[in-house]
Amino acid sequence: MRIALTVCLTLLLLGCASPQVSDYADQQPRLQLSDYFNGELQAWGMFQDRSGAVVKRFHVAMTGTWQGQTGVLDERFTYSDGTTERRVWTLSKQADGSWRGTADDVQGHAIGHVAGNALHWRYKLRLPVDGSTYVVDFDDWMFLMDGQVMLNRARMSKWGIYLGQVTLSFYKPDAAAAAN
């Protein structure tokens, strides 16, 4: 009985294991944040609540500028209901190879790691909802598909309770021009 219980618990724990960014170390093309997030980009996305219903759709116009290992990403959101929002990220490469990100609505700072074609961020975002502000946790994954397209999926939770998911598709038109 003890062996069966141990096997069941082990399988349960393995089923809950999350991927690590290092799992993508051999994936191509290799993501260089200062290359992909440099210049003008566009993104389209949506937020789905925990049931999977699409609650909000949006477009992002983004401009990235870099000086050495520090970049500024100026994101301008336009939501399907006509509202707008702006978030300006400052990204800095750390001595250990990780990335640190700050923005006005990020509590503390985001910590990110890049391996192969993947970027994994974790951060706390102050999210305004109906006149109140909630601090929610983001577990954010980005995958470079080619020189133009990056896919992004972020899980949002509060106190470990899953609230929903943000999905984005980034497009870098300059990469198409450079390839021609």
Protein backbone atom coordinates (compact mmCIF):
# COMPACT_ATOMS: atom_id res chain seq x y z
CA MET A 1 0.00 0.00 0.00
CA ARG A 2 2.81 2.38 0.91
CA ILE A 3 4.53 1.85 -2.44
CA ALA A 4 1.32 2.53 -4.36
CA LEU A 5 0.75 5.72 -2.34
CA THR A 6 4.33 6.85 -2.94
CA VAL A 7 4.03 6.20 -6.70
CA CYS A 8 0.72 8.10 -6.88
CA LEU A 9 2.11 11.09 -4.97
CA THR A 10 5.23 11.13 -7.15
CA LEU A 11 3.15 11.08 -10.34
CA LEU A 12 0.91 13.83 -8.97
CA LEU A 13 3.90 16.03 -8.16
CA LEU A 14 5.51 15.38 -11.55
CA GLY A 15 2.24 16.33 -13.23
CA CYS A 16 2.38 19.68 -11.43
CA ALA A 17 5.97 20.43 -12.43
CA SER A 18 6.32 23.57 -14.51
CA PRO A 19 8.59 23.92 -17.51
CA GLN A 20 11.88 25.70 -16.93
CA VAL A 21 13.28 28.27 -19.36
CA SER A 22 16.40 26.07 -19.64
CA ASP A 23 14.16 23.43 -21.33
CA TYR A 24 14.26 25.68 -24.42
CA ALA A 25 18.03 26.32 -24.52
CA ASP A 26 18.49 24.47 -27.83
CA GLN A 27 15.50 26.06 -29.59
CA GLN A 28 16.02 28.36 -32.57
CA PRO A 29 15.99 31.16 -33.47
CA ARG A 30 17.89 32.43 -30.44
CA LEU A 31 16.14 35.30 -28.69
CA GLN A 32 18.20 38.45 -28.14
CA LEU A 33 15.94 40.94 -26.36
CA SER A 34 17.95 43.93 -27.62
CA ASP A 35 17.50 42.76 -31.23
CA TYR A 36 13.85 41.73 -31.24
CA PHE A 37 12.56 44.55 -29.02
CA ASN A 38 14.42 47.27 -30.92
CA GLY A 39 12.46 49.66 -33.11
CA GLU A 40 8.76 49.54 -33.91
CA LEU A 41 6.59 46.51 -33.12
CA GLN A 42 2.89 45.72 -33.14
CA ALA A 43 1.02 43.21 -31.00
CA TRP A 44 -2.53 41.91 -30.80
CA GLY A 45 -3.88 40.23 -27.74
CA MET A 46 -6.73 39.22 -25.50
CA PHE A 47 -7.48 38.50 -21.88
CA GLN A 48 -9.48 35.36 -21.07
CA ASP A 49 -11.00 34.81 -17.65
CA ARG A 50 -10.63 31.52 -15.80
CA SER A 51 -13.59 30.03 -17.72
CA GLY A 52 -11.88 30.80 -21.05
CA ALA A 53 -14.26 33.60 -22.04
CA VAL A 54 -12.58 36.47 -23.88
CA VAL A 55 -13.11 39.52 -21.65
CA LYS A 56 -10.94 42.07 -23.43
CA ARG A 57 -9.15 42.39 -26.76
CA PHE A 58 -6.40 44.89 -27.49
CA HIS A 59 -3.73 46.19 -29.86
CA VAL A 60 -0.29 47.36 -28.72
CA ALA A 61 1.99 49.74 -30.62
CA MET A 62 5.46 49.42 -29.15
CA THR A 63 8.76 51.24 -29.58
CA GLY A 64 11.98 49.79 -28.21
CA THR A 65 15.23 51.70 -27.78
CA TRP A 66 18.51 50.38 -26.37
CA GLN A 67 21.73 51.72 -24.93
CA GLY A 68 24.08 48.85 -24.23
CA GLN A 69 22.38 46.27 -22.01
CA THR A 70 19.49 48.56 -21.02
CA GLY A 71 16.33 48.95 -23.07
CA VAL A 72 13.16 51.00 -22.87
CA LEU A 73 9.94 49.51 -24.26
CA ASP A 74 7.18 52.07 -24.70
CA GLU A 75 3.88 50.16 -25.01
CA ARG A 76 0.68 51.96 -26.08
CA PHE A 77 -2.46 49.84 -25.63
CA THR A 78 -5.80 50.39 -27.36
CA TYR A 79 -8.57 48.16 -26.03
CA SER A 80 -11.63 46.94 -27.93
CA ASP A 81 -13.85 49.18 -25.75
CA GLY A 82 -11.89 52.27 -26.91
CA THR A 83 -9.90 52.81 -23.71
CA THR A 84 -6.16 53.33 -23.86
CA GLU A 85 -3.24 52.64 -21.57
CA ARG A 86 0.51 53.17 -21.65
CA ARG A 87 3.22 51.11 -19.98
CA VAL A 88 6.91 51.96 -20.23
CA TRP A 89 9.26 49.13 -19.31
CA THR A 90 12.94 49.56 -18.52
CA LEU A 91 14.85 46.32 -19.04
CA SER A 92 18.36 45.76 -17.71
CA LYS A 93 20.59 42.75 -18.19
CA GLN A 94 22.05 41.61 -14.89
CA ALA A 95 25.56 40.28 -14.21
CA ASP A 96 24.20 36.72 -13.84
CA GLY A 97 22.58 36.90 -17.32
CA SER A 98 19.03 37.37 -16.02
CA TRP A 99 16.91 40.39 -16.90
CA ARG A 100 15.29 42.89 -14.57
CA GLY A 101 12.25 44.88 -15.69
CA THR A 102 10.51 47.83 -14.11
CA ALA A 103 7.38 49.78 -15.03
CA ASP A 104 5.13 52.19 -13.11
CA ASP A 105 2.41 49.58 -12.59
CA VAL A 106 4.78 46.74 -11.70
CA GLN A 107 5.23 46.21 -7.97
CA GLY A 108 8.96 45.84 -7.35
CA HIS A 109 10.51 44.46 -10.50
CA ALA A 110 10.09 41.66 -12.99
CA ILE A 111 12.75 38.98 -13.13
CA GLY A 112 13.28 37.27 -16.47
CA HIS A 113 15.46 34.55 -17.90
CA VAL A 114 16.21 33.86 -21.56
CA ALA A 115 17.26 30.52 -23.04
CA GLY A 116 17.13 29.59 -26.72
CA ASN A 117 13.99 31.13 -28.18
CA ALA A 118 12.21 31.65 -24.83
CA LEU A 119 11.85 34.38 -22.23
CA HIS A 120 10.21 33.64 -18.88
CA TRP A 121 9.16 36.60 -16.69
CA ARG A 122 7.60 36.67 -13.23
CA TYR A 123 6.22 39.86 -11.74
CA LYS A 124 3.44 41.49 -9.75
CA LEU A 125 1.23 43.96 -11.62
CA ARG A 126 -1.04 46.59 -10.08
CA LEU A 127 -4.26 46.07 -12.02
CA PRO A 128 -7.08 48.63 -11.87
CA VAL A 129 -10.55 47.03 -11.89
CA ASP A 130 -13.80 48.97 -11.35
CA GLY A 131 -12.22 51.76 -9.29
CA SER A 132 -10.03 49.45 -7.19
CA THR A 133 -6.46 48.31 -7.73
CA TYR A 134 -5.42 44.70 -7.21
CA VAL A 135 -1.89 43.32 -7.19
CA VAL A 136 -1.83 40.16 -9.30
CA ASP A 137 0.95 37.71 -10.13
CA PHE A 138 2.03 37.20 -13.73
CA ASP A 139 3.83 34.10 -14.97
CA ASP A 140 4.77 35.31 -18.44
CA TRP A 141 6.28 33.24 -21.28
CA MET A 142 7.41 34.57 -24.66
CA PHE A 143 8.59 32.42 -27.58
CA LEU A 144 10.37 33.79 -30.65
CA MET A 145 8.96 31.98 -33.68
CA ASP A 146 11.09 33.69 -36.34
CA GLY A 147 12.62 37.14 -36.88
CA GLN A 148 9.17 38.75 -37.11
CA VAL A 149 6.79 36.87 -34.82
CA MET A 150 6.85 36.26 -31.09
CA LEU A 151 4.04 34.53 -29.18
CA ASN A 152 3.31 35.42 -25.56
CA ARG A 153 1.17 33.72 -22.93
CA ALA A 154 0.88 35.00 -19.38
CA ARG A 155 -1.02 33.32 -16.56
CA MET A 156 -2.53 35.69 -14.03
CA SER A 157 -3.23 34.65 -10.44
CA LYS A 158 -3.89 36.08 -6.99
CA TRP A 159 -2.90 34.17 -3.83
CA GLY A 160 -2.21 31.17 -6.06
CA ILE A 161 -5.74 31.19 -7.50
CA TYR A 162 -5.83 31.23 -11.31
CA LEU A 163 -7.67 34.31 -12.62
CA GLY A 164 -7.10 34.10 -16.35
CA GLN A 165 -4.66 34.32 -19.22
CA VAL A 166 -3.28 37.00 -21.52
CA THR A 167 -2.29 35.90 -25.03
CA LEU A 168 -0.38 38.13 -27.46
CA SER A 169 1.16 37.86 -30.88
CA PHE A 170 3.99 40.33 -31.56
CA TYR A 171 4.97 41.34 -35.09
CA LYS A 172 8.17 43.15 -36.02
CA PRO A 173 7.81 44.58 -39.55
CA ASP A 174 11.44 45.78 -39.67
CA ALA A 175 12.58 42.16 -39.60
CA ALA A 176 10.72 41.51 -42.87
CA ALA A 177 12.39 44.48 -44.54
CA ALA A 178 15.83 43.39 -43.30
CA ALA A 179 15.29 39.87 -44.69
CA ASN A 180 14.50 41.18 -48.22
